[in-house]
């Protein structure tokens, strides 16, 4: 965090406050008691300044707060991205704990500081689809925040994970208190290679039903029954197609 501040804040001069690197100038143009942001269009505008006087000194703190808010968001996002990088390079217990703790510290559950970048998302989904338990747990921590296409892709990867590690899947879904709408997606979103093959779709659903029926662990019975309900309903719809 300190390196971010040093890189961006060189000086709060008594004559002006600049955000030149960001292309933003903070200027007191509205008079006493107001702070405003004026965009600077490169060389098109020769420059602005903050008029400094005894009455204007109190505005300096306002400018610094605005600058701090801007830089804080950038630094937190960069920090989160680096944690996802570290986790995806070596998704073990230790890196998962560090990542989940960082996600839990975000002020909002689905704020940018919690989410993997668009470059990191495919790597996460690939690990999940290959049966990596830690990647699946990390994905469940933020899956409710994925937009539509990411949600579908994660659910397809999770479906493959379920077929490889069904009991771990059920325990993870229970542990993360996954909501019913997402449980439905995790069980019923089918592989892309079944899109134009109705028989293959039915076969995948039948296989998942059989896997669930083979599990007799009483600790996951609630999630199991929900999965069976959604899958049997999906099977009925497919057979009517």
Protein backbone atom coordinates (compact mmCIF):
# COMPACT_ATOMS: atom_id res chain seq x y z
CA UNK A 1 0.00 0.00 0.00
CA UNK A 2 2.81 2.44 0.90
CA UNK A 3 4.41 1.98 -2.51
CA UNK A 4 1.16 2.97 -4.18
CA UNK A 5 1.01 6.24 -2.25
CA UNK A 6 4.63 7.10 -2.95
CA UNK A 7 4.24 6.43 -6.66
CA UNK A 8 1.19 8.63 -6.99
CA UNK A 9 1.52 11.45 -4.45
CA UNK A 10 4.69 13.45 -4.92
CA UNK A 11 3.67 16.71 -3.29
CA UNK A 12 0.69 18.74 -2.18
CA UNK A 13 2.00 22.14 -3.27
CA UNK A 14 0.65 25.31 -1.69
CA UNK A 15 -0.18 26.68 -5.14
CA UNK A 16 -1.84 23.72 -6.80
CA UNK A 17 -2.87 20.08 -6.45
CA UNK A 18 -2.46 17.97 -9.55
CA UNK A 19 -3.41 14.47 -10.58
CA UNK A 20 -1.47 14.78 -13.81
CA UNK A 21 -0.86 11.08 -14.26
CA UNK A 22 -4.58 10.38 -14.13
CA UNK A 23 -5.47 13.33 -16.36
CA UNK A 24 -7.48 14.94 -13.56
CA UNK A 25 -7.15 18.39 -12.01
CA UNK A 26 -8.79 19.19 -8.69
CA UNK A 27 -9.76 22.84 -8.77
CA UNK A 28 -11.58 25.14 -6.39
CA UNK A 29 -13.90 26.91 -8.80
CA UNK A 30 -17.14 26.93 -6.85
CA UNK A 31 -16.15 29.15 -3.94
CA UNK A 32 -16.17 28.57 -0.23
CA UNK A 33 -17.15 25.18 1.13
CA UNK A 34 -17.14 23.19 -2.15
CA UNK A 35 -14.78 20.78 -3.85
CA UNK A 36 -14.95 19.92 -7.54
CA UNK A 37 -13.14 17.83 -10.11
CA UNK A 38 -12.29 19.27 -13.52
CA UNK A 39 -11.11 16.94 -16.31
CA UNK A 40 -7.97 18.05 -18.09
CA UNK A 41 -7.87 17.10 -21.75
CA UNK A 42 -4.11 16.74 -22.17
CA UNK A 43 -2.46 19.76 -23.76
CA UNK A 44 -5.80 21.25 -24.81
CA UNK A 45 -6.02 23.02 -21.46
CA UNK A 46 -2.75 24.77 -20.47
CA UNK A 47 -3.22 24.35 -16.73
CA UNK A 48 -5.19 25.19 -13.65
CA UNK A 49 -4.25 26.10 -10.15
CA UNK A 50 -5.76 26.13 -6.72
CA UNK A 51 -5.67 29.70 -5.43
CA UNK A 52 -4.08 29.63 -2.08
CA UNK A 53 -5.00 32.01 0.73
CA UNK A 54 -5.83 31.96 4.34
CA UNK A 55 -9.47 31.12 3.61
CA UNK A 56 -8.54 28.31 1.19
CA UNK A 57 -6.27 26.25 3.43
CA UNK A 58 -9.14 24.14 4.66
CA UNK A 59 -9.78 22.94 1.10
CA UNK A 60 -6.44 21.13 1.01
CA UNK A 61 -7.74 18.38 3.28
CA UNK A 62 -10.76 17.90 1.01
CA UNK A 63 -8.51 17.48 -2.01
CA UNK A 64 -6.29 14.99 -0.22
CA UNK A 65 -9.33 12.91 0.82
CA UNK A 66 -10.52 12.77 -2.79
CA UNK A 67 -7.08 11.75 -3.96
CA UNK A 68 -6.85 9.13 -1.22
CA UNK A 69 -10.19 7.62 -2.25
CA UNK A 70 -9.05 7.35 -5.85
CA UNK A 71 -5.71 5.77 -5.03
CA UNK A 72 -7.14 3.48 -2.37
CA UNK A 73 -9.42 1.78 -4.89
CA UNK A 74 -6.57 1.29 -7.36
CA UNK A 75 -4.22 -0.13 -4.73
CA UNK A 76 -6.80 -2.48 -3.18
CA UNK A 77 -7.74 -3.84 -6.62
CA UNK A 78 -4.08 -4.43 -7.48
CA UNK A 79 -3.54 -6.16 -4.13
CA UNK A 80 -6.53 -8.45 -4.69
CA UNK A 81 -5.36 -9.30 -8.21
CA UNK A 82 -1.94 -10.27 -6.90
CA UNK A 83 -3.53 -12.57 -4.30
CA UNK A 84 -5.53 -14.31 -7.03
CA UNK A 85 -2.32 -14.66 -9.06
CA UNK A 86 -0.55 -16.28 -6.13
CA UNK A 87 -3.48 -18.60 -5.45
CA UNK A 88 -3.84 -19.70 -9.08
CA UNK A 89 -0.11 -20.44 -9.31
CA UNK A 90 -0.27 -22.70 -6.25
CA UNK A 91 -3.86 -23.37 -5.06
CA UNK A 92 -3.06 -24.97 -1.71
CA UNK A 93 -4.59 -24.62 1.74
CA UNK A 94 -2.39 -21.71 2.74
CA UNK A 95 -3.03 -19.58 -0.34
CA UNK A 96 -6.76 -20.33 -0.10
CA UNK A 97 -6.91 -19.08 3.50
CA UNK A 98 -5.07 -15.87 2.58
CA UNK A 99 -7.37 -15.31 -0.40
CA UNK A 100 -10.60 -15.97 1.49
CA UNK A 101 -9.50 -13.69 4.36
CA UNK A 102 -8.83 -10.90 1.85
CA UNK A 103 -12.22 -11.44 0.20
CA UNK A 104 -13.89 -11.29 3.62
CA UNK A 105 -12.26 -7.93 4.35
CA UNK A 106 -13.82 -6.26 1.30
CA UNK A 107 -16.47 -3.75 2.32
CA UNK A 108 -18.98 -5.21 -0.13
CA UNK A 109 -19.29 -8.89 -1.01
CA UNK A 110 -19.17 -8.32 -4.76
CA UNK A 111 -16.85 -5.32 -4.88
CA UNK A 112 -13.96 -5.42 -7.40
CA UNK A 113 -11.50 -6.06 -4.59
CA UNK A 114 -13.00 -9.54 -4.10
CA UNK A 115 -13.10 -10.77 -7.68
CA UNK A 116 -10.54 -12.33 -10.01
CA UNK A 117 -9.69 -10.32 -13.11
CA UNK A 118 -11.00 -11.27 -16.55
CA UNK A 119 -7.58 -12.82 -17.27
CA UNK A 120 -7.69 -14.88 -14.07
CA UNK A 121 -11.25 -16.17 -14.43
CA UNK A 122 -10.50 -18.74 -17.19
CA UNK A 123 -7.57 -20.11 -15.16
CA UNK A 124 -9.83 -20.53 -12.14
CA UNK A 125 -12.53 -22.31 -14.14
CA UNK A 126 -9.96 -24.60 -15.76
CA UNK A 127 -8.66 -25.70 -12.37
CA UNK A 128 -12.19 -26.33 -11.12
CA UNK A 129 -13.04 -28.41 -14.19
CA UNK A 130 -9.95 -30.53 -13.59
CA UNK A 131 -11.10 -31.40 -10.07
CA UNK A 132 -9.02 -28.99 -7.99
CA UNK A 133 -10.77 -28.76 -4.63
CA UNK A 134 -9.15 -25.52 -3.47
CA UNK A 135 -10.05 -23.81 -6.75
CA UNK A 136 -13.66 -24.96 -6.38
CA UNK A 137 -13.83 -23.55 -2.84
CA UNK A 138 -12.34 -20.25 -4.02
CA UNK A 139 -14.83 -20.11 -6.88
CA UNK A 140 -17.76 -20.72 -4.54
CA UNK A 141 -16.58 -17.80 -2.40
CA UNK A 142 -17.30 -15.35 -5.24
CA UNK A 143 -19.54 -17.27 -7.66
CA UNK A 144 -22.68 -15.34 -6.69
CA UNK A 145 -20.93 -12.22 -8.02
CA UNK A 146 -20.26 -13.58 -11.52
CA UNK A 147 -22.26 -12.07 -14.37
CA UNK A 148 -24.36 -14.35 -16.59
CA UNK A 149 -21.71 -15.85 -18.89
CA UNK A 150 -19.16 -16.31 -16.09
CA UNK A 151 -21.85 -17.90 -13.92
CA UNK A 152 -22.65 -20.41 -16.65
CA UNK A 153 -18.98 -21.21 -17.29
CA UNK A 154 -18.30 -21.68 -13.59
CA UNK A 155 -21.34 -23.95 -13.27
CA UNK A 156 -20.14 -26.10 -16.18
CA UNK A 157 -16.73 -26.44 -14.55
CA UNK A 158 -18.40 -27.19 -11.22
CA UNK A 159 -20.50 -29.89 -12.88
CA UNK A 160 -17.33 -31.59 -14.08
CA UNK A 161 -15.91 -31.23 -10.56
CA UNK A 162 -19.03 -32.86 -9.12
CA UNK A 163 -18.68 -35.88 -11.38
CA UNK A 164 -15.08 -36.34 -10.18
CA UNK A 165 -15.48 -35.46 -6.48
CA UNK A 166 -19.19 -35.65 -5.61
CA UNK A 167 -18.92 -35.88 -1.83
CA UNK A 168 -16.43 -33.00 -1.62
CA UNK A 169 -18.74 -31.02 -3.92
CA UNK A 170 -21.74 -31.54 -1.64
CA UNK A 171 -19.79 -30.70 1.50
CA UNK A 172 -18.40 -27.52 -0.09
CA UNK A 173 -21.84 -26.37 -1.23
CA UNK A 174 -23.14 -26.91 2.29
CA UNK A 175 -20.15 -25.19 3.91
CA UNK A 176 -20.48 -22.12 1.67
CA UNK A 177 -24.27 -21.92 2.20
CA UNK A 178 -24.85 -21.73 -1.54
CA UNK A 179 -28.32 -20.46 -2.40
CA UNK A 180 -30.87 -22.67 -4.18
CA UNK A 181 -30.78 -20.75 -7.47
CA UNK A 182 -27.05 -21.35 -7.71
CA UNK A 183 -27.30 -24.99 -6.61
CA UNK A 184 -29.67 -25.49 -9.53
CA UNK A 185 -27.13 -24.04 -11.96
CA UNK A 186 -24.26 -26.08 -10.52
CA UNK A 187 -26.15 -29.34 -11.06
CA UNK A 188 -28.01 -28.65 -14.30
CA UNK A 189 -25.64 -26.54 -16.43
CA UNK A 190 -24.40 -29.15 -18.91
CA UNK A 191 -21.13 -29.34 -20.88
CA UNK A 192 -20.90 -27.31 -24.06
CA UNK A 193 -20.38 -30.42 -26.18
CA UNK A 194 -23.95 -31.53 -25.35
CA UNK A 195 -25.59 -28.41 -26.79
CA UNK A 196 -26.79 -30.05 -30.02
CA UNK A 197 -27.10 -33.59 -28.71
CA UNK A 198 -30.29 -34.29 -26.75
CA UNK A 199 -29.38 -37.91 -25.98
CA UNK A 200 -26.03 -36.82 -24.57
CA UNK A 201 -27.73 -34.21 -22.39
CA UNK A 202 -30.05 -36.85 -20.95
CA UNK A 203 -27.13 -39.20 -20.43
CA UNK A 204 -25.21 -36.58 -18.42
CA UNK A 205 -28.25 -35.82 -16.26
CA UNK A 206 -28.91 -39.54 -15.65
CA UNK A 207 -25.27 -40.03 -14.65
CA UNK A 208 -25.42 -37.18 -12.15
CA UNK A 209 -28.62 -38.56 -10.66
CA UNK A 210 -26.96 -41.95 -10.27
CA UNK A 211 -23.93 -40.36 -8.59
CA UNK A 212 -26.15 -38.56 -6.09
CA UNK A 213 -28.14 -41.70 -5.34
CA UNK A 214 -24.89 -43.51 -4.53
CA UNK A 215 -24.00 -41.04 -1.74
CA UNK A 216 -25.28 -41.99 1.71
CA UNK A 217 -23.51 -39.42 3.91
CA UNK A 218 -26.25 -38.01 6.20
CA UNK A 219 -24.38 -34.71 6.66
CA UNK A 220 -25.07 -33.67 3.07
CA UNK A 221 -28.56 -35.08 2.63
CA UNK A 222 -30.19 -31.66 2.22
CA UNK A 223 -27.91 -30.61 -0.64
CA UNK A 224 -28.24 -34.08 -2.15
CA UNK A 225 -32.04 -33.90 -2.17
CA UNK A 226 -31.97 -30.46 -3.76
CA UNK A 227 -29.64 -31.74 -6.44
CA UNK A 228 -31.88 -34.71 -7.16
CA UNK A 229 -34.92 -32.45 -7.38
CA UNK A 230 -33.29 -30.08 -9.89
CA UNK A 231 -31.78 -32.89 -11.97
CA UNK A 232 -34.99 -34.92 -12.17
CA UNK A 233 -36.87 -31.81 -13.19
CA UNK A 234 -34.23 -31.16 -15.86
CA UNK A 235 -34.52 -34.75 -17.09
CA UNK A 236 -38.30 -34.43 -17.41
CA UNK A 237 -37.94 -31.25 -19.48
CA UNK A 238 -35.34 -32.85 -21.75
CA UNK A 239 -37.43 -35.97 -22.37
CA UNK A 240 -40.36 -33.78 -23.42
CA UNK A 241 -38.20 -31.89 -25.93
